[in-house]
PDB file of N, CA and C in Angstrom:
ATOM      1  N   MET A   1      -0.389   7.270   7.557  1.00  0.00           N
ATOM      2  CA  MET A   1      -1.115   7.423   6.316  1.00  0.00           C
ATOM      3  C   MET A   1      -2.604   7.514   6.620  1.00  0.00           C
ATOM      4  N   LYS A   2      -3.302   8.058   5.667  1.00  0.00           N
ATOM      5  CA  LYS A   2      -4.751   8.158   5.846  1.00  0.00           C
ATOM      6  C   LYS A   2      -5.325   6.782   6.133  1.00  0.00           C
ATOM      7  N   ASP A   3      -6.498   6.796   6.707  1.00  0.00           N
ATOM      8  CA  ASP A   3      -7.149   5.531   7.034  1.00  0.00           C
ATOM      9  C   ASP A   3      -7.812   4.953   5.792  1.00  0.00           C
ATOM     10  N   PHE A   4      -7.054   4.143   5.088  1.00  0.00           N
ATOM     11  CA  PHE A   4      -7.600   3.423   3.955  1.00  0.00           C
ATOM     12  C   PHE A   4      -8.243   2.154   4.506  1.00  0.00           C
ATOM     13  N   THR A   5      -8.830   1.355   3.659  1.00  0.00           N
ATOM     14  CA  THR A   5      -9.402   0.107   4.127  1.00  0.00           C
ATOM     15  C   THR A   5      -8.294  -0.794   4.659  1.00  0.00           C
ATOM     16  N   LYS A   6      -8.654  -1.770   5.415  1.00  0.00           N
ATOM     17  CA  LYS A   6      -7.678  -2.685   6.010  1.00  0.00           C
ATOM     18  C   LYS A   6      -6.816  -3.349   4.933  1.00  0.00           C
ATOM     19  N   GLU A   7      -7.448  -3.765   3.830  1.00  0.00           N
ATOM     20  CA  GLU A   7      -6.725  -4.430   2.756  1.00  0.00           C
ATOM     21  C   GLU A   7      -5.697  -3.491   2.117  1.00  0.00           C
ATOM     22  N   VAL A   8      -6.082  -2.234   1.924  1.00  0.00           N
ATOM     23  CA  VAL A   8      -5.168  -1.262   1.325  1.00  0.00           C
ATOM     24  C   VAL A   8      -4.016  -0.984   2.290  1.00  0.00           C
ATOM     25  N   ASP A   9      -4.329  -0.840   3.579  1.00  0.00           N
ATOM     26  CA  ASP A   9      -3.272  -0.631   4.571  1.00  0.00           C
ATOM     27  C   ASP A   9      -2.289  -1.787   4.592  1.00  0.00           C
ATOM     28  N   GLU A  10      -2.791  -3.012   4.489  1.00  0.00           N
ATOM     29  CA  GLU A  10      -1.918  -4.191   4.472  1.00  0.00           C
ATOM     30  C   GLU A  10      -1.027  -4.172   3.230  1.00  0.00           C
ATOM     31  N   GLU A  11      -1.592  -3.806   2.095  1.00  0.00           N
ATOM     32  CA  GLU A  11      -0.804  -3.750   0.854  1.00  0.00           C
ATOM     33  C   GLU A  11       0.248  -2.640   0.942  1.00  0.00           C
ATOM     34  N   LEU A  12      -0.105  -1.503   1.520  1.00  0.00           N
ATOM     35  CA  LEU A  12       0.857  -0.416   1.699  1.00  0.00           C
ATOM     36  C   LEU A  12       2.020  -0.862   2.578  1.00  0.00           C
ATOM     37  N   ASN A  13       1.717  -1.574   3.641  1.00  0.00           N
ATOM     38  CA  ASN A  13       2.779  -2.079   4.520  1.00  0.00           C
ATOM     39  C   ASN A  13       3.669  -3.074   3.793  1.00  0.00           C
ATOM     40  N   LYS A  14       3.068  -3.910   2.934  1.00  0.00           N
ATOM     41  CA  LYS A  14       3.842  -4.868   2.163  1.00  0.00           C
ATOM     42  C   LYS A  14       4.758  -4.143   1.177  1.00  0.00           C
ATOM     43  N   ILE A  15       4.240  -3.116   0.529  1.00  0.00           N
ATOM     44  CA  ILE A  15       5.045  -2.352  -0.425  1.00  0.00           C
ATOM     45  C   ILE A  15       6.204  -1.665   0.295  1.00  0.00           C
ATOM     46  N   LYS A  16       5.933  -1.089   1.459  1.00  0.00           N
ATOM     47  CA  LYS A  16       7.000  -0.455   2.244  1.00  0.00           C
ATOM     48  C   LYS A  16       8.078  -1.469   2.613  1.00  0.00           C
ATOM     49  N   SER A  17       7.653  -2.646   3.043  1.00  0.00           N
ATOM     50  CA  SER A  17       8.584  -3.706   3.430  1.00  0.00           C
ATOM     51  C   SER A  17       9.402  -4.174   2.227  1.00  0.00           C
ATOM     52  N   ASP A  18       8.731  -4.379   1.095  1.00  0.00           N
ATOM     53  CA  ASP A  18       9.422  -4.793  -0.129  1.00  0.00           C
ATOM     54  C   ASP A  18      10.453  -3.750  -0.552  1.00  0.00           C
ATOM     55  N   PHE A  19      10.076  -2.486  -0.462  1.00  0.00           N
ATOM     56  CA  PHE A  19      10.988  -1.408  -0.856  1.00  0.00           C
ATOM     57  C   PHE A  19      12.195  -1.354   0.080  1.00  0.00           C
ATOM     58  N   SER A  20      11.949  -1.533   1.356  1.00  0.00           N
ATOM     59  CA  SER A  20      13.045  -1.544   2.326  1.00  0.00           C
ATOM     60  C   SER A  20      14.016  -2.679   2.017  1.00  0.00           C
ATOM     61  N   SER A  21      13.492  -3.842   1.681  1.00  0.00           N
ATOM     62  CA  SER A  21      14.327  -4.988   1.321  1.00  0.00           C
ATOM     63  C   SER A  21      15.086  -4.729   0.022  1.00  0.00           C
ATOM     64  N   LEU A  22      14.423  -4.108  -0.937  1.00  0.00           N
ATOM     65  CA  LEU A  22      15.039  -3.824  -2.231  1.00  0.00           C
ATOM     66  C   LEU A  22      16.265  -2.923  -2.068  1.00  0.00           C
ATOM     67  N   LYS A  23      16.146  -1.931  -1.204  1.00  0.00           N
ATOM     68  CA  LYS A  23      17.248  -0.986  -1.005  1.00  0.00           C
ATOM     69  C   LYS A  23      18.492  -1.668  -0.426  1.00  0.00           C
ATOM     70  N   LYS A  24      18.313  -2.800   0.237  1.00  0.00           N
ATOM     71  CA  LYS A  24      19.434  -3.500   0.872  1.00  0.00           C
ATOM     72  C   LYS A  24      20.143  -4.474  -0.060  1.00  0.00           C
ATOM     73  N   LEU A  25      19.513  -4.790  -1.193  1.00  0.00           N
ATOM     74  CA  LEU A  25      20.093  -5.763  -2.110  1.00  0.00           C
ATOM     75  C   LEU A  25      21.333  -5.211  -2.801  1.00  0.00           C
ATOM     76  N   LYS A  26      22.296  -6.076  -3.009  1.00  0.00           N
ATOM     77  CA  LYS A  26      23.538  -5.689  -3.691  1.00  0.00           C
ATOM     78  C   LYS A  26      23.384  -5.779  -5.209  1.00  0.00           C
ATOM     79  N   ARG A  27      22.727  -6.833  -5.679  1.00  0.00           N
ATOM     80  CA  ARG A  27      22.552  -7.047  -7.120  1.00  0.00           C
ATOM     81  C   ARG A  27      21.082  -6.891  -7.476  1.00  0.00           C
ATOM     82  N   LEU A  28      20.845  -5.998  -8.406  1.00  0.00           N
ATOM     83  CA  LEU A  28      19.475  -5.735  -8.838  1.00  0.00           C
ATOM     84  C   LEU A  28      19.353  -6.065 -10.323  1.00  0.00           C
ATOM     85  N   ASN A  29      18.161  -6.499 -10.729  1.00  0.00           N
ATOM     86  CA  ASN A  29      17.947  -6.843 -12.134  1.00  0.00           C
ATOM     87  C   ASN A  29      16.642  -6.232 -12.637  1.00  0.00           C
ATOM     88  N   SER A  30      16.284  -6.565 -13.850  1.00  0.00           N
ATOM     89  CA  SER A  30      15.095  -5.967 -14.469  1.00  0.00           C
ATOM     90  C   SER A  30      13.807  -6.373 -13.759  1.00  0.00           C
ATOM     91  N   GLN A  31      13.796  -7.525 -13.098  1.00  0.00           N
ATOM     92  CA  GLN A  31      12.607  -7.919 -12.339  1.00  0.00           C
ATOM     93  C   GLN A  31      12.390  -6.982 -11.152  1.00  0.00           C
ATOM     94  N   HIS A  32      13.482  -6.574 -10.523  1.00  0.00           N
ATOM     95  CA  HIS A  32      13.379  -5.620  -9.417  1.00  0.00           C
ATOM     96  C   HIS A  32      12.844  -4.276  -9.933  1.00  0.00           C
ATOM     97  N   GLU A  33      13.341  -3.869 -11.098  1.00  0.00           N
ATOM     98  CA  GLU A  33      12.878  -2.625 -11.713  1.00  0.00           C
ATOM     99  C   GLU A  33      11.382  -2.701 -12.014  1.00  0.00           C
ATOM    100  N   ASP A  34      10.947  -3.795 -12.617  1.00  0.00           N
ATOM    101  CA  ASP A  34       9.533  -3.970 -12.949  1.00  0.00           C
ATOM    102  C   ASP A  34       8.657  -3.933 -11.698  1.00  0.00           C
ATOM    103  N   LYS A  35       9.099  -4.588 -10.646  1.00  0.00           N
ATOM    104  CA  LYS A  35       8.330  -4.621  -9.388  1.00  0.00           C
ATOM    105  C   LYS A  35       8.228  -3.218  -8.804  1.00  0.00           C
ATOM    106  N   LEU A  36       9.335  -2.477  -8.805  1.00  0.00           N
ATOM    107  CA  LEU A  36       9.313  -1.123  -8.264  1.00  0.00           C
ATOM    108  C   LEU A  36       8.356  -0.244  -9.070  1.00  0.00           C
ATOM    109  N   ILE A  37       8.416  -0.322 -10.387  1.00  0.00           N
ATOM    110  CA  ILE A  37       7.531   0.484 -11.229  1.00  0.00           C
ATOM    111  C   ILE A  37       6.073   0.112 -10.994  1.00  0.00           C
ATOM    112  N   THR A  38       5.785  -1.167 -10.860  1.00  0.00           N
ATOM    113  CA  THR A  38       4.415  -1.622 -10.589  1.00  0.00           C
ATOM    114  C   THR A  38       3.925  -1.080  -9.245  1.00  0.00           C
ATOM    115  N   ASP A  39       4.783  -1.145  -8.234  1.00  0.00           N
ATOM    116  CA  ASP A  39       4.409  -0.643  -6.910  1.00  0.00           C
ATOM    117  C   ASP A  39       4.179   0.868  -6.941  1.00  0.00           C
ATOM    118  N   ILE A  40       5.051   1.595  -7.616  1.00  0.00           N
ATOM    119  CA  ILE A  40       4.890   3.048  -7.713  1.00  0.00           C
ATOM    120  C   ILE A  40       3.592   3.392  -8.436  1.00  0.00           C
ATOM    121  N   THR A  41       3.289   2.658  -9.504  1.00  0.00           N
ATOM    122  CA  THR A  41       2.060   2.903 -10.256  1.00  0.00           C
ATOM    123  C   THR A  41       0.831   2.738  -9.366  1.00  0.00           C
ATOM    124  N   GLY A  42       0.823   1.692  -8.555  1.00  0.00           N
ATOM    125  CA  GLY A  42      -0.286   1.479  -7.625  1.00  0.00           C
ATOM    126  C   GLY A  42      -0.398   2.593  -6.598  1.00  0.00           C
ATOM    127  N   LEU A  43       0.740   3.019  -6.074  1.00  0.00           N
ATOM    128  CA  LEU A  43       0.742   4.095  -5.082  1.00  0.00           C
ATOM    129  C   LEU A  43       0.283   5.415  -5.700  1.00  0.00           C
ATOM    130  N   LEU A  44       0.683   5.650  -6.946  1.00  0.00           N
ATOM    131  CA  LEU A  44       0.236   6.866  -7.627  1.00  0.00           C
ATOM    132  C   LEU A  44      -1.282   6.859  -7.810  1.00  0.00           C
ATOM    133  N   GLY A  45      -1.853   5.682  -8.040  1.00  0.00           N
ATOM    134  CA  GLY A  45      -3.311   5.572  -8.141  1.00  0.00           C
ATOM    135  C   GLY A  45      -3.984   5.970  -6.840  1.00  0.00           C
ATOM    136  N   LEU A  46      -3.437   5.528  -5.713  1.00  0.00           N
ATOM    137  CA  LEU A  46      -3.980   5.926  -4.411  1.00  0.00           C
ATOM    138  C   LEU A  46      -3.792   7.419  -4.173  1.00  0.00           C
ATOM    139  N   TYR A  47      -2.615   7.903  -4.519  1.00  0.00           N
ATOM    140  CA  TYR A  47      -2.285   9.312  -4.322  1.00  0.00           C
ATOM    141  C   TYR A  47      -3.207  10.204  -5.155  1.00  0.00           C
ATOM    142  N   GLN A  48      -3.626   9.700  -6.297  1.00  0.00           N
ATOM    143  CA  GLN A  48      -4.524  10.457  -7.155  1.00  0.00           C
ATOM    144  C   GLN A  48      -5.909  10.605  -6.504  1.00  0.00           C
ATOM    145  N   LEU A  49      -6.288   9.614  -5.710  1.00  0.00           N
ATOM    146  CA  LEU A  49      -7.604   9.654  -5.060  1.00  0.00           C
ATOM    147  C   LEU A  49      -7.660  10.672  -3.937  1.00  0.00           C
ATOM    148  N   ALA A  50      -6.565  10.762  -3.176  1.00  0.00           N
ATOM    149  CA  ALA A  50      -6.554  11.681  -2.038  1.00  0.00           C
ATOM    150  C   ALA A  50      -5.117  11.999  -1.655  1.00  0.00           C
ATOM    151  N   TYR A  51      -4.892  13.239  -1.275  1.00  0.00           N
ATOM    152  CA  TYR A  51      -3.555  13.658  -0.860  1.00  0.00           C
ATOM    153  C   TYR A  51      -3.217  13.042   0.493  1.00  0.00           C
ATOM    154  N   ASP A  52      -2.008  12.533   0.604  1.00  0.00           N
ATOM    155  CA  ASP A  52      -1.498  12.023   1.876  1.00  0.00           C
ATOM    156  C   ASP A  52       0.009  12.279   1.900  1.00  0.00           C
ATOM    157  N   GLU A  53       0.473  13.019   2.888  1.00  0.00           N
ATOM    158  CA  GLU A  53       1.881  13.410   2.944  1.00  0.00           C
ATOM    159  C   GLU A  53       2.808  12.201   3.059  1.00  0.00           C
ATOM    160  N   ASP A  54       2.473  11.219   3.883  1.00  0.00           N
ATOM    161  CA  ASP A  54       3.317  10.026   4.021  1.00  0.00           C
ATOM    162  C   ASP A  54       3.418   9.267   2.701  1.00  0.00           C
ATOM    163  N   LEU A  55       2.304   9.183   2.006  1.00  0.00           N
ATOM    164  CA  LEU A  55       2.283   8.511   0.712  1.00  0.00           C
ATOM    165  C   LEU A  55       3.136   9.285  -0.302  1.00  0.00           C
ATOM    166  N   ARG A  56       3.048  10.605  -0.283  1.00  0.00           N
ATOM    167  CA  ARG A  56       3.847  11.447  -1.175  1.00  0.00           C
ATOM    168  C   ARG A  56       5.342  11.218  -0.932  1.00  0.00           C
ATOM    169  N   ILE A  57       5.731  11.160   0.314  1.00  0.00           N
ATOM    170  CA  ILE A  57       7.140  10.954   0.661  1.00  0.00           C
ATOM    171  C   ILE A  57       7.607   9.569   0.212  1.00  0.00           C
ATOM    172  N   LEU A  58       6.788   8.550   0.428  1.00  0.00           N
ATOM    173  CA  LEU A  58       7.146   7.190   0.013  1.00  0.00           C
ATOM    174  C   LEU A  58       7.330   7.121  -1.501  1.00  0.00           C
ATOM    175  N   ILE A  59       6.402   7.692  -2.235  1.00  0.00           N
ATOM    176  CA  ILE A  59       6.506   7.679  -3.698  1.00  0.00           C
ATOM    177  C   ILE A  59       7.766   8.414  -4.130  1.00  0.00           C
ATOM    178  N   TYR A  60       8.039   9.565  -3.523  1.00  0.00           N
ATOM    179  CA  TYR A  60       9.241  10.327  -3.860  1.00  0.00           C
ATOM    180  C   TYR A  60      10.500   9.488  -3.641  1.00  0.00           C
ATOM    181  N   LYS A  61      10.579   8.811  -2.503  1.00  0.00           N
ATOM    182  CA  LYS A  61      11.758   8.000  -2.189  1.00  0.00           C
ATOM    183  C   LYS A  61      11.912   6.844  -3.169  1.00  0.00           C
ATOM    184  N   MET A  62      10.799   6.240  -3.560  1.00  0.00           N
ATOM    185  CA  MET A  62      10.854   5.122  -4.494  1.00  0.00           C
ATOM    186  C   MET A  62      11.310   5.586  -5.880  1.00  0.00           C
ATOM    187  N   ILE A  63      10.775   6.714  -6.335  1.00  0.00           N
ATOM    188  CA  ILE A  63      11.177   7.250  -7.635  1.00  0.00           C
ATOM    189  C   ILE A  63      12.645   7.657  -7.597  1.00  0.00           C
ATOM    190  N   ASP A  64      13.063   8.296  -6.521  1.00  0.00           N
ATOM    191  CA  ASP A  64      14.455   8.719  -6.372  1.00  0.00           C
ATOM    192  C   ASP A  64      15.395   7.516  -6.398  1.00  0.00           C
ATOM    193  N   PHE A  65      15.009   6.436  -5.738  1.00  0.00           N
ATOM    194  CA  PHE A  65      15.813   5.215  -5.738  1.00  0.00           C
ATOM    195  C   PHE A  65      15.921   4.659  -7.155  1.00  0.00           C
ATOM    196  N   GLY A  66      14.794   4.571  -7.853  1.00  0.00           N
ATOM    197  CA  GLY A  66      14.797   4.079  -9.230  1.00  0.00           C
ATOM    198  C   GLY A  66      15.662   4.944 -10.134  1.00  0.00           C
ATOM    199  N   ASP A  67      15.571   6.251  -9.942  1.00  0.00           N
ATOM    200  CA  ASP A  67      16.413   7.184 -10.701  1.00  0.00           C
ATOM    201  C   ASP A  67      17.893   6.924 -10.454  1.00  0.00           C
ATOM    202  N   SER A  68      18.242   6.668  -9.209  1.00  0.00           N
ATOM    203  CA  SER A  68      19.650   6.452  -8.865  1.00  0.00           C
ATOM    204  C   SER A  68      20.194   5.181  -9.519  1.00  0.00           C
ATOM    205  N   LYS A  69      19.316   4.251  -9.861  1.00  0.00           N
ATOM    206  CA  LYS A  69      19.712   3.009 -10.535  1.00  0.00           C
ATOM    207  C   LYS A  69      19.579   3.120 -12.052  1.00  0.00           C
ATOM    208  N   LEU A  70      19.232   4.321 -12.522  1.00  0.00           N
ATOM    209  CA  LEU A  70      19.033   4.586 -13.954  1.00  0.00           C
ATOM    210  C   LEU A  70      17.903   3.733 -14.536  1.00  0.00           C
ATOM    211  N   TRP A  71      16.875   3.496 -13.728  1.00  0.00           N
ATOM    212  CA  TRP A  71      15.707   2.752 -14.175  1.00  0.00           C
ATOM    213  C   TRP A  71      14.708   3.716 -14.810  1.00  0.00           C
ATOM    214  N   ALA A  72      13.749   3.167 -15.511  1.00  0.00           N
ATOM    215  CA  ALA A  72      12.768   3.960 -16.265  1.00  0.00           C
ATOM    216  C   ALA A  72      11.734   4.590 -15.326  1.00  0.00           C
ATOM    217  N   MET A  73      12.038   5.767 -14.850  1.00  0.00           N
ATOM    218  CA  MET A  73      11.159   6.457 -13.904  1.00  0.00           C
ATOM    219  C   MET A  73      10.441   7.655 -14.519  1.00  0.00           C
ATOM    220  N   GLN A  74      10.647   7.911 -15.814  1.00  0.00           N
ATOM    221  CA  GLN A  74      10.129   9.122 -16.438  1.00  0.00           C
ATOM    222  C   GLN A  74       8.601   9.226 -16.325  1.00  0.00           C
ATOM    223  N   GLY A  75       7.893   8.153 -16.632  1.00  0.00           N
ATOM    224  CA  GLY A  75       6.429   8.182 -16.573  1.00  0.00           C
ATOM    225  C   GLY A  75       5.927   8.394 -15.156  1.00  0.00           C
ATOM    226  N   SER A  76       6.550   7.714 -14.218  1.00  0.00           N
ATOM    227  CA  SER A  76       6.157   7.864 -12.815  1.00  0.00           C
ATOM    228  C   SER A  76       6.434   9.282 -12.322  1.00  0.00           C
ATOM    229  N   LYS A  77       7.598   9.825 -12.702  1.00  0.00           N
ATOM    230  CA  LYS A  77       7.939  11.188 -12.288  1.00  0.00           C
ATOM    231  C   LYS A  77       6.963  12.200 -12.885  1.00  0.00           C
ATOM    232  N   TYR A  78       6.603  11.998 -14.135  1.00  0.00           N
ATOM    233  CA  TYR A  78       5.671  12.908 -14.800  1.00  0.00           C
ATOM    234  C   TYR A  78       4.334  12.939 -14.059  1.00  0.00           C
ATOM    235  N   LEU A  79       3.767  11.769 -13.792  1.00  0.00           N
ATOM    236  CA  LEU A  79       2.478  11.710 -13.116  1.00  0.00           C
ATOM    237  C   LEU A  79       2.584  12.237 -11.688  1.00  0.00           C
ATOM    238  N   PHE A  80       3.662  11.896 -10.994  1.00  0.00           N
ATOM    239  CA  PHE A  80       3.875  12.357  -9.624  1.00  0.00           C
ATOM    240  C   PHE A  80       3.937  13.890  -9.587  1.00  0.00           C
ATOM    241  N   ASN A  81       4.693  14.491 -10.495  1.00  0.00           N
ATOM    242  CA  ASN A  81       4.789  15.950 -10.546  1.00  0.00           C
ATOM    243  C   ASN A  81       3.450  16.591 -10.878  1.00  0.00           C
ATOM    244  N   LYS A  82       2.712  15.962 -11.775  1.00  0.00           N
ATOM    245  CA  LYS A  82       1.387  16.464 -12.145  1.00  0.00           C
ATOM    246  C   LYS A  82       0.442  16.438 -10.936  1.00  0.00           C
ATOM    247  N   LEU A  83       0.474  15.350 -10.182  1.00  0.00           N
ATOM    248  CA  LEU A  83      -0.372  15.258  -8.981  1.00  0.00           C
ATOM    249  C   LEU A  83       0.078  16.238  -7.908  1.00  0.00           C
ATOM    250  N   ASN A  84       1.370  16.436  -7.770  1.00  0.00           N
ATOM    251  CA  ASN A  84       1.863  17.405  -6.790  1.00  0.00           C
ATOM    252  C   ASN A  84       1.371  18.813  -7.133  1.00  0.00           C
ATOM    253  N   LYS A  85       1.333  19.146  -8.417  1.00  0.00           N
ATOM    254  CA  LYS A  85       0.806  20.447  -8.833  1.00  0.00           C
ATOM    255  C   LYS A  85      -0.672  20.546  -8.494  1.00  0.00           C
ATOM    256  N   LYS A  86      -1.391  19.461  -8.685  1.00  0.00           N
ATOM    257  CA  LYS A  86      -2.817  19.426  -8.354  1.00  0.00           C
ATOM    258  C   LYS A  86      -3.023  19.725  -6.864  1.00  0.00           C
ATOM    259  N   TYR A  87      -2.133  19.192  -6.037  1.00  0.00           N
ATOM    260  CA  TYR A  87      -2.230  19.379  -4.586  1.00  0.00           C
ATOM    261  C   TYR A  87      -1.410  20.579  -4.099  1.00  0.00           C
ATOM    262  N   ASN A  88      -0.865  21.348  -5.043  1.00  0.00           N
ATOM    263  CA  ASN A  88      -0.034  22.516  -4.717  1.00  0.00           C
ATOM    264  C   ASN A  88       1.140  22.167  -3.821  1.00  0.00           C
ATOM    265  N   LYS A  89       1.841  21.083  -4.142  1.00  0.00           N
ATOM    266  CA  LYS A  89       3.018  20.631  -3.362  1.00  0.00           C
ATOM    267  C   LYS A  89       4.265  20.755  -4.177  1.00  0.00           C
TER     268      LYS A  89
END
């Protein structure tokens, strides 16, 4: 990923780790959904500042996972698609 500040890099690593753990869970609830949406929202904010292919892929995977669980991903997908158009992706 782009060289963000140390604090942002640490948070990105934490989000990646949390997402990896989430995918392994057998039972998921609304708290997991809320956490995923919050994490995606934060990542979309970073993605809006500057294009980064690794970040784009991570956001895509997170939205796809949420979609597969029938979670509320419509707003995240809308903004993600809008940003992808901005970056011609």
